[in-house]
């Protein structure tokens, strides 16, 4: 019975983390650019980015002063 309760508590708390992770999507940044993109298949990232493409959570990108790309995606 004790193990069952521990499993229930573990699932409850990890489930909350999964929901929070989905609320904060991953964005893509080309090198040291101040602009982040929501999709990796954007032309500015696929063809024009000559440096490494970084991933970051959207809230972290906004906190660090980056702004969202004006693309249609």
N, C-alpha and C. Protein backbone atom coordinates (compact mmCIF):
# COMPACT_ATOMS: atom_id res chain seq x y z
N UNK A 1 0.83 -1.20 0.00
CA UNK A 1 0.00 0.00 0.00
C UNK A 1 0.87 1.27 0.00
N UNK A 2 1.96 1.22 0.75
CA UNK A 2 2.84 2.38 0.85
C UNK A 2 3.46 2.70 -0.52
N UNK A 3 3.91 1.66 -1.24
CA UNK A 3 4.50 1.87 -2.57
C UNK A 3 3.49 2.45 -3.54
N UNK A 4 2.25 2.02 -3.43
CA UNK A 4 1.19 2.53 -4.30
C UNK A 4 0.99 4.02 -4.08
N UNK A 5 0.99 4.45 -2.83
CA UNK A 5 0.81 5.87 -2.51
C UNK A 5 2.00 6.69 -3.04
N UNK A 6 3.19 6.15 -2.90
CA UNK A 6 4.37 6.85 -3.41
C UNK A 6 4.29 7.01 -4.93
N UNK A 7 3.85 5.97 -5.61
CA UNK A 7 3.71 6.04 -7.07
C UNK A 7 2.66 7.07 -7.46
N UNK A 8 1.55 7.10 -6.76
CA UNK A 8 0.49 8.08 -7.05
C UNK A 8 1.02 9.50 -6.86
N UNK A 9 1.74 9.74 -5.79
CA UNK A 9 2.29 11.08 -5.53
C UNK A 9 3.30 11.44 -6.62
N UNK A 10 4.16 10.50 -7.01
CA UNK A 10 5.16 10.76 -8.05
C UNK A 10 4.49 11.11 -9.38
N UNK A 11 3.50 10.34 -9.76
CA UNK A 11 2.80 10.59 -11.02
C UNK A 11 2.10 11.94 -10.99
N UNK A 12 1.52 12.29 -9.85
CA UNK A 12 0.83 13.57 -9.72
C UNK A 12 1.79 14.73 -9.94
N UNK A 13 2.95 14.71 -9.28
CA UNK A 13 3.88 15.82 -9.41
C UNK A 13 4.58 15.86 -10.76
N UNK A 14 4.92 14.72 -11.34
CA UNK A 14 5.55 14.75 -12.66
C UNK A 14 4.54 15.12 -13.73
N UNK A 15 3.29 14.79 -13.53
CA UNK A 15 2.25 15.20 -14.47
C UNK A 15 2.11 16.70 -14.53
N UNK A 16 2.26 17.37 -13.41
CA UNK A 16 2.19 18.83 -13.39
C UNK A 16 3.34 19.44 -14.18
N UNK A 17 4.53 18.86 -14.10
CA UNK A 17 5.67 19.37 -14.85
C UNK A 17 5.46 19.21 -16.35
N UNK A 18 4.84 18.12 -16.76
CA UNK A 18 4.59 17.91 -18.19
C UNK A 18 3.62 18.96 -18.72
N UNK A 19 2.60 19.29 -17.96
CA UNK A 19 1.64 20.30 -18.39
C UNK A 19 2.32 21.66 -18.51
N UNK A 20 3.17 22.01 -17.55
CA UNK A 20 3.87 23.29 -17.61
C UNK A 20 4.85 23.34 -18.77
N UNK A 21 5.48 22.22 -19.09
CA UNK A 21 6.42 22.19 -20.20
C UNK A 21 5.70 22.41 -21.53
N UNK A 22 4.48 21.92 -21.66
CA UNK A 22 3.74 22.11 -22.90
C UNK A 22 3.24 23.54 -23.04
N UNK A 23 3.05 24.24 -21.95
CA UNK A 23 2.60 25.62 -22.01
C UNK A 23 3.71 26.56 -22.48
N UNK A 24 4.94 26.14 -22.34
CA UNK A 24 6.09 26.97 -22.71
C UNK A 24 6.82 26.31 -23.88
N UNK A 25 6.46 26.66 -25.13
CA UNK A 25 7.02 25.96 -26.29
C UNK A 25 8.50 26.29 -26.51
N UNK A 26 9.14 25.44 -27.29
CA UNK A 26 10.54 25.63 -27.68
C UNK A 26 10.59 26.57 -28.88
N UNK A 27 11.51 27.52 -28.86
CA UNK A 27 11.73 28.43 -29.99
C UNK A 27 13.17 28.27 -30.47
N UNK A 28 13.45 28.77 -31.66
CA UNK A 28 14.75 28.58 -32.30
C UNK A 28 15.40 29.94 -32.56
N UNK A 29 16.71 30.01 -32.30
CA UNK A 29 17.45 31.27 -32.44
C UNK A 29 18.71 30.99 -33.26
N UNK A 30 18.98 31.85 -34.23
CA UNK A 30 20.18 31.72 -35.06
C UNK A 30 21.33 32.47 -34.39
N UNK A 31 22.31 31.74 -33.90
CA UNK A 31 23.50 32.34 -33.31
C UNK A 31 23.20 33.31 -32.19
N UNK A 32 23.67 34.56 -32.33
CA UNK A 32 23.46 35.57 -31.30
C UNK A 32 22.35 36.55 -31.69
N UNK A 33 21.48 36.13 -32.58
CA UNK A 33 20.39 36.98 -33.05
C UNK A 33 19.46 37.39 -31.91
N UNK A 34 18.82 38.52 -32.06
CA UNK A 34 17.85 39.01 -31.08
C UNK A 34 16.43 38.60 -31.44
N UNK A 35 16.28 37.77 -32.48
CA UNK A 35 14.96 37.34 -32.95
C UNK A 35 14.83 35.83 -32.77
N UNK A 36 13.68 35.39 -32.26
CA UNK A 36 13.44 33.95 -32.17
C UNK A 36 12.31 33.55 -33.09
N UNK A 37 12.36 32.30 -33.55
CA UNK A 37 11.39 31.75 -34.50
C UNK A 37 10.64 30.60 -33.85
N UNK A 38 9.35 30.48 -34.16
CA UNK A 38 8.54 29.41 -33.59
C UNK A 38 8.75 28.07 -34.28
N UNK A 39 9.14 28.09 -35.55
CA UNK A 39 9.32 26.86 -36.31
C UNK A 39 10.74 26.79 -36.86
N UNK A 40 11.25 25.59 -36.96
CA UNK A 40 12.61 25.40 -37.46
C UNK A 40 12.69 25.51 -38.97
N UNK A 41 11.56 25.33 -39.66
CA UNK A 41 11.56 25.34 -41.12
C UNK A 41 11.42 26.74 -41.72
N UNK A 42 11.62 27.77 -40.94
CA UNK A 42 11.54 29.15 -41.43
C UNK A 42 12.74 29.43 -42.33
N UNK A 43 12.55 30.18 -43.42
CA UNK A 43 13.62 30.47 -44.38
C UNK A 43 14.83 31.13 -43.73
N UNK A 44 14.60 32.02 -42.79
CA UNK A 44 15.72 32.71 -42.14
C UNK A 44 16.60 31.73 -41.38
N UNK A 45 16.04 30.65 -40.92
CA UNK A 45 16.84 29.66 -40.21
C UNK A 45 17.43 28.62 -41.15
N UNK A 46 16.65 28.14 -42.08
CA UNK A 46 17.11 27.05 -42.96
C UNK A 46 18.21 27.49 -43.92
N UNK A 47 18.05 28.63 -44.55
CA UNK A 47 18.95 29.01 -45.64
C UNK A 47 19.89 30.17 -45.30
N UNK A 48 19.48 31.08 -44.45
CA UNK A 48 20.28 32.27 -44.19
C UNK A 48 21.15 32.17 -42.95
N UNK A 49 20.83 31.28 -42.03
CA UNK A 49 21.60 31.16 -40.80
C UNK A 49 22.91 30.42 -41.07
N UNK A 50 24.03 31.10 -40.89
CA UNK A 50 25.34 30.49 -41.13
C UNK A 50 25.97 29.95 -39.85
N UNK A 51 25.45 30.35 -38.70
CA UNK A 51 25.99 29.86 -37.43
C UNK A 51 25.06 28.81 -36.84
N UNK A 52 25.34 28.41 -35.64
CA UNK A 52 24.57 27.34 -34.99
C UNK A 52 23.17 27.81 -34.60
N UNK A 53 22.19 26.93 -34.72
CA UNK A 53 20.82 27.23 -34.32
C UNK A 53 20.62 26.75 -32.89
N UNK A 54 20.22 27.66 -32.01
CA UNK A 54 20.02 27.35 -30.60
C UNK A 54 18.54 27.15 -30.31
N UNK A 55 18.24 26.32 -29.33
CA UNK A 55 16.87 26.15 -28.87
C UNK A 55 16.76 26.74 -27.47
N UNK A 56 15.59 27.29 -27.19
CA UNK A 56 15.34 27.93 -25.90
C UNK A 56 13.83 27.91 -25.66
N UNK A 57 13.42 27.94 -24.43
CA UNK A 57 12.00 28.05 -24.14
C UNK A 57 11.56 29.48 -24.43
N UNK A 58 10.32 29.64 -24.83
CA UNK A 58 9.82 30.94 -25.25
C UNK A 58 9.91 31.96 -24.12
N UNK A 59 9.59 31.56 -22.89
CA UNK A 59 9.65 32.50 -21.77
C UNK A 59 11.08 32.94 -21.50
N UNK A 60 12.05 32.03 -21.65
CA UNK A 60 13.46 32.39 -21.47
C UNK A 60 13.91 33.37 -22.55
N UNK A 61 13.45 33.16 -23.77
CA UNK A 61 13.83 34.06 -24.87
C UNK A 61 13.29 35.47 -24.64
N UNK A 62 12.06 35.56 -24.17
CA UNK A 62 11.47 36.87 -23.90
C UNK A 62 12.18 37.56 -22.74
N UNK A 63 12.52 36.80 -21.70
CA UNK A 63 13.23 37.37 -20.55
C UNK A 63 14.61 37.88 -20.94
N UNK A 64 15.25 37.23 -21.92
CA UNK A 64 16.58 37.66 -22.32
C UNK A 64 16.56 38.78 -23.36
N UNK A 65 15.37 39.31 -23.66
CA UNK A 65 15.27 40.48 -24.53
C UNK A 65 15.10 40.16 -26.00
N UNK A 66 14.88 38.92 -26.34
CA UNK A 66 14.69 38.56 -27.74
C UNK A 66 13.24 38.81 -28.13
N UNK A 67 13.02 39.11 -29.42
CA UNK A 67 11.65 39.35 -29.88
C UNK A 67 11.26 38.31 -30.91
N UNK A 68 9.97 38.12 -31.08
CA UNK A 68 9.44 37.09 -31.96
C UNK A 68 9.51 37.53 -33.42
N UNK A 69 9.83 36.59 -34.28
CA UNK A 69 9.85 36.83 -35.72
C UNK A 69 8.44 37.18 -36.20
N UNK A 70 8.35 37.99 -37.23
CA UNK A 70 7.05 38.40 -37.76
C UNK A 70 6.54 37.48 -38.85
N UNK A 71 7.04 36.26 -38.89
CA UNK A 71 6.62 35.32 -39.93
C UNK A 71 5.18 34.86 -39.70
N UNK A 72 4.59 34.22 -40.68
CA UNK A 72 3.18 33.84 -40.63
C UNK A 72 2.92 32.60 -39.79
N UNK A 73 3.94 31.89 -39.36
CA UNK A 73 3.76 30.65 -38.62
C UNK A 73 3.42 30.90 -37.18
